[in-house]
Amino acid sequence: MNKLMLTFKETAEYIGVSESYLYRLTSNKLIPHHKPRGKMLYFNREELNEWLSRGRRESEEDILREAEESVKKM
């Protein structure tokens, strides 16, 4: 099953963090979440995927390839 909205516990498992760390992320408003009834937290899977992909770091190989392409253009 590929649910669109995840519970707090499902989200912690999905992104691979402890529940206490996820609580810290939500309380500091560092991760997108929804609180429709004022108590329970829910997370949209698509928003989580976007949030996770924002943290991408280029590999050394990516950096070298970009540098080589820049030199070729000169």
N, C-alpha and C. Protein backbone atom coordinates (compact mmCIF):
# COMPACT_ATOMS: atom_id res chain seq x y z
N MET A 1 0.84 -1.18 0.00
CA MET A 1 0.00 0.00 0.00
C MET A 1 0.89 1.25 0.00
N ASN A 2 0.54 2.18 -0.84
CA ASN A 2 1.33 3.39 -0.99
C ASN A 2 0.47 4.59 -0.60
N LYS A 3 0.27 4.78 0.71
CA LYS A 3 -0.59 5.84 1.21
C LYS A 3 0.00 7.21 0.91
N LEU A 4 -0.88 8.17 0.64
CA LEU A 4 -0.44 9.54 0.40
C LEU A 4 -0.05 10.21 1.72
N MET A 5 -0.86 10.03 2.76
CA MET A 5 -0.60 10.64 4.06
C MET A 5 -0.09 9.58 5.03
N LEU A 6 0.96 9.93 5.76
CA LEU A 6 1.57 9.01 6.72
C LEU A 6 1.37 9.52 8.14
N THR A 7 1.29 8.59 9.08
CA THR A 7 1.22 8.95 10.49
C THR A 7 2.62 9.32 10.98
N PHE A 8 2.68 9.78 12.20
CA PHE A 8 3.95 10.16 12.81
C PHE A 8 4.93 8.98 12.81
N LYS A 9 4.47 7.85 13.29
CA LYS A 9 5.33 6.66 13.39
C LYS A 9 5.76 6.18 12.00
N GLU A 10 4.81 6.15 11.06
CA GLU A 10 5.13 5.72 9.70
C GLU A 10 6.17 6.64 9.08
N THR A 11 6.06 7.93 9.35
CA THR A 11 7.00 8.90 8.79
C THR A 11 8.40 8.70 9.35
N ALA A 12 8.49 8.47 10.66
CA ALA A 12 9.80 8.23 11.26
C ALA A 12 10.48 7.03 10.60
N GLU A 13 9.71 5.97 10.37
CA GLU A 13 10.26 4.79 9.70
C GLU A 13 10.60 5.10 8.25
N TYR A 14 9.73 5.83 7.57
CA TYR A 14 9.91 6.14 6.15
C TYR A 14 11.18 6.94 5.89
N ILE A 15 11.46 7.93 6.73
CA ILE A 15 12.65 8.76 6.50
C ILE A 15 13.86 8.26 7.29
N GLY A 16 13.67 7.25 8.11
CA GLY A 16 14.79 6.61 8.80
C GLY A 16 15.35 7.38 9.98
N VAL A 17 14.46 7.99 10.77
CA VAL A 17 14.91 8.71 11.97
C VAL A 17 14.10 8.22 13.17
N SER A 18 14.59 8.53 14.36
CA SER A 18 13.85 8.16 15.56
C SER A 18 12.64 9.07 15.71
N GLU A 19 11.67 8.64 16.48
CA GLU A 19 10.48 9.46 16.71
C GLU A 19 10.84 10.73 17.47
N SER A 20 11.80 10.65 18.37
CA SER A 20 12.19 11.86 19.11
C SER A 20 12.84 12.88 18.18
N TYR A 21 13.62 12.42 17.20
CA TYR A 21 14.23 13.35 16.25
C TYR A 21 13.16 13.95 15.34
N LEU A 22 12.21 13.14 14.91
CA LEU A 22 11.12 13.64 14.08
C LEU A 22 10.31 14.68 14.85
N TYR A 23 10.08 14.45 16.14
CA TYR A 23 9.38 15.43 16.96
C TYR A 23 10.15 16.76 16.98
N ARG A 24 11.46 16.67 17.10
CA ARG A 24 12.29 17.88 17.10
C ARG A 24 12.17 18.61 15.76
N LEU A 25 12.18 17.87 14.65
CA LEU A 25 12.03 18.47 13.33
C LEU A 25 10.70 19.19 13.19
N THR A 26 9.63 18.57 13.69
CA THR A 26 8.30 19.20 13.57
C THR A 26 8.16 20.39 14.51
N SER A 27 8.66 20.28 15.72
CA SER A 27 8.52 21.40 16.66
C SER A 27 9.33 22.61 16.22
N ASN A 28 10.42 22.39 15.51
CA ASN A 28 11.24 23.49 14.98
C ASN A 28 10.80 23.90 13.58
N LYS A 29 9.71 23.29 13.11
CA LYS A 29 9.15 23.59 11.78
C LYS A 29 10.19 23.41 10.67
N LEU A 30 10.96 22.33 10.75
CA LEU A 30 11.99 22.04 9.76
C LEU A 30 11.55 21.01 8.73
N ILE A 31 10.39 20.39 8.96
CA ILE A 31 9.90 19.36 8.06
C ILE A 31 8.42 19.66 7.79
N PRO A 32 7.97 19.51 6.53
CA PRO A 32 6.56 19.80 6.23
C PRO A 32 5.64 18.78 6.90
N HIS A 33 4.61 19.28 7.56
CA HIS A 33 3.65 18.41 8.22
C HIS A 33 2.29 19.09 8.31
N HIS A 34 1.29 18.30 8.63
CA HIS A 34 -0.09 18.78 8.72
C HIS A 34 -0.65 18.40 10.09
N LYS A 35 -1.47 19.27 10.63
CA LYS A 35 -2.07 19.06 11.94
C LYS A 35 -3.56 19.46 11.83
N PRO A 36 -4.36 18.65 11.11
CA PRO A 36 -5.72 19.06 10.77
C PRO A 36 -6.67 19.23 11.95
N ARG A 37 -6.52 18.46 12.98
CA ARG A 37 -7.43 18.55 14.12
C ARG A 37 -6.74 19.14 15.35
N GLY A 38 -5.58 19.70 15.16
CA GLY A 38 -4.88 20.36 16.25
C GLY A 38 -4.07 19.46 17.16
N LYS A 39 -4.11 18.14 16.93
CA LYS A 39 -3.35 17.24 17.80
C LYS A 39 -2.49 16.26 17.02
N MET A 40 -3.11 15.45 16.20
CA MET A 40 -2.39 14.43 15.44
C MET A 40 -1.62 15.07 14.29
N LEU A 41 -0.40 14.57 14.07
CA LEU A 41 0.42 15.04 12.96
C LEU A 41 0.36 14.04 11.82
N TYR A 42 0.28 14.59 10.61
CA TYR A 42 0.29 13.77 9.40
C TYR A 42 1.30 14.36 8.43
N PHE A 43 1.84 13.50 7.58
CA PHE A 43 2.88 13.90 6.65
C PHE A 43 2.52 13.42 5.26
N ASN A 44 2.62 14.31 4.27
CA ASN A 44 2.34 13.98 2.89
C ASN A 44 3.61 13.35 2.29
N ARG A 45 3.46 12.16 1.75
CA ARG A 45 4.61 11.41 1.22
C ARG A 45 5.34 12.20 0.13
N GLU A 46 4.60 12.88 -0.76
CA GLU A 46 5.24 13.66 -1.84
C GLU A 46 6.04 14.83 -1.26
N GLU A 47 5.50 15.51 -0.26
CA GLU A 47 6.22 16.60 0.38
C GLU A 47 7.47 16.10 1.08
N LEU A 48 7.37 14.91 1.69
CA LEU A 48 8.54 14.32 2.34
C LEU A 48 9.63 14.01 1.32
N ASN A 49 9.23 13.47 0.18
CA ASN A 49 10.21 13.15 -0.86
C ASN A 49 10.91 14.40 -1.35
N GLU A 50 10.15 15.48 -1.55
CA GLU A 50 10.75 16.76 -1.96
C GLU A 50 11.70 17.27 -0.88
N TRP A 51 11.27 17.19 0.37
CA TRP A 51 12.09 17.65 1.49
C TRP A 51 13.39 16.85 1.58
N LEU A 52 13.29 15.55 1.41
CA LEU A 52 14.48 14.70 1.45
C LEU A 52 15.43 15.00 0.30
N SER A 53 14.88 15.27 -0.88
CA SER A 53 15.75 15.50 -2.04
C SER A 53 16.45 16.86 -1.98
N ARG A 54 15.94 17.79 -1.18
CA ARG A 54 16.61 19.09 -1.04
C ARG A 54 17.98 18.95 -0.37
N GLY A 55 18.20 17.89 0.34
CA GLY A 55 19.46 17.69 1.05
C GLY A 55 20.53 17.01 0.22
N ARG A 56 20.32 16.93 -1.10
CA ARG A 56 21.28 16.24 -1.95
C ARG A 56 22.64 16.94 -1.94
N ARG A 57 23.67 16.16 -1.81
CA ARG A 57 25.04 16.65 -1.88
C ARG A 57 25.70 16.03 -3.10
N GLU A 58 26.42 16.84 -3.84
CA GLU A 58 27.10 16.32 -5.02
C GLU A 58 28.27 15.43 -4.61
N SER A 59 28.45 14.39 -5.37
CA SER A 59 29.59 13.50 -5.12
C SER A 59 30.85 14.14 -5.69
N GLU A 60 31.96 13.62 -5.30
CA GLU A 60 33.24 14.11 -5.81
C GLU A 60 33.29 13.93 -7.33
N GLU A 61 32.73 12.83 -7.79
CA GLU A 61 32.69 12.55 -9.23
C GLU A 61 31.87 13.62 -9.96
N ASP A 62 30.72 14.02 -9.40
CA ASP A 62 29.89 15.07 -10.00
C ASP A 62 30.67 16.38 -10.10
N ILE A 63 31.36 16.74 -9.05
CA ILE A 63 32.12 17.99 -9.01
C ILE A 63 33.24 17.98 -10.04
N LEU A 64 33.95 16.86 -10.14
CA LEU A 64 35.03 16.74 -11.13
C LEU A 64 34.50 16.83 -12.55
N ARG A 65 33.36 16.18 -12.80
CA ARG A 65 32.75 16.21 -14.14
C ARG A 65 32.37 17.64 -14.50
N GLU A 66 31.76 18.38 -13.58
CA GLU A 66 31.39 19.77 -13.83
C GLU A 66 32.62 20.63 -14.09
N ALA A 67 33.68 20.40 -13.33
CA ALA A 67 34.92 21.16 -13.52
C ALA A 67 35.51 20.89 -14.90
N GLU A 68 35.53 19.65 -15.33
CA GLU A 68 36.06 19.29 -16.64
C GLU A 68 35.23 19.93 -17.75
N GLU A 69 33.92 19.94 -17.58
CA GLU A 69 33.04 20.55 -18.60
C GLU A 69 33.27 22.06 -18.67
N SER A 70 33.50 22.69 -17.53
CA SER A 70 33.76 24.13 -17.50
C SER A 70 35.07 24.47 -18.20
N VAL A 71 36.08 23.64 -17.98
CA VAL A 71 37.39 23.86 -18.60
C VAL A 71 37.27 23.68 -20.12
N LYS A 72 36.51 22.71 -20.57
CA LYS A 72 36.34 22.47 -22.00
C LYS A 72 35.65 23.65 -22.68
N LYS A 73 34.79 24.34 -21.97
CA LYS A 73 34.05 25.48 -22.55
C LYS A 73 34.91 26.72 -22.69
N MET A 74 36.03 26.76 -22.02
CA MET A 74 36.89 27.96 -22.05
C MET A 74 37.59 28.10 -23.35
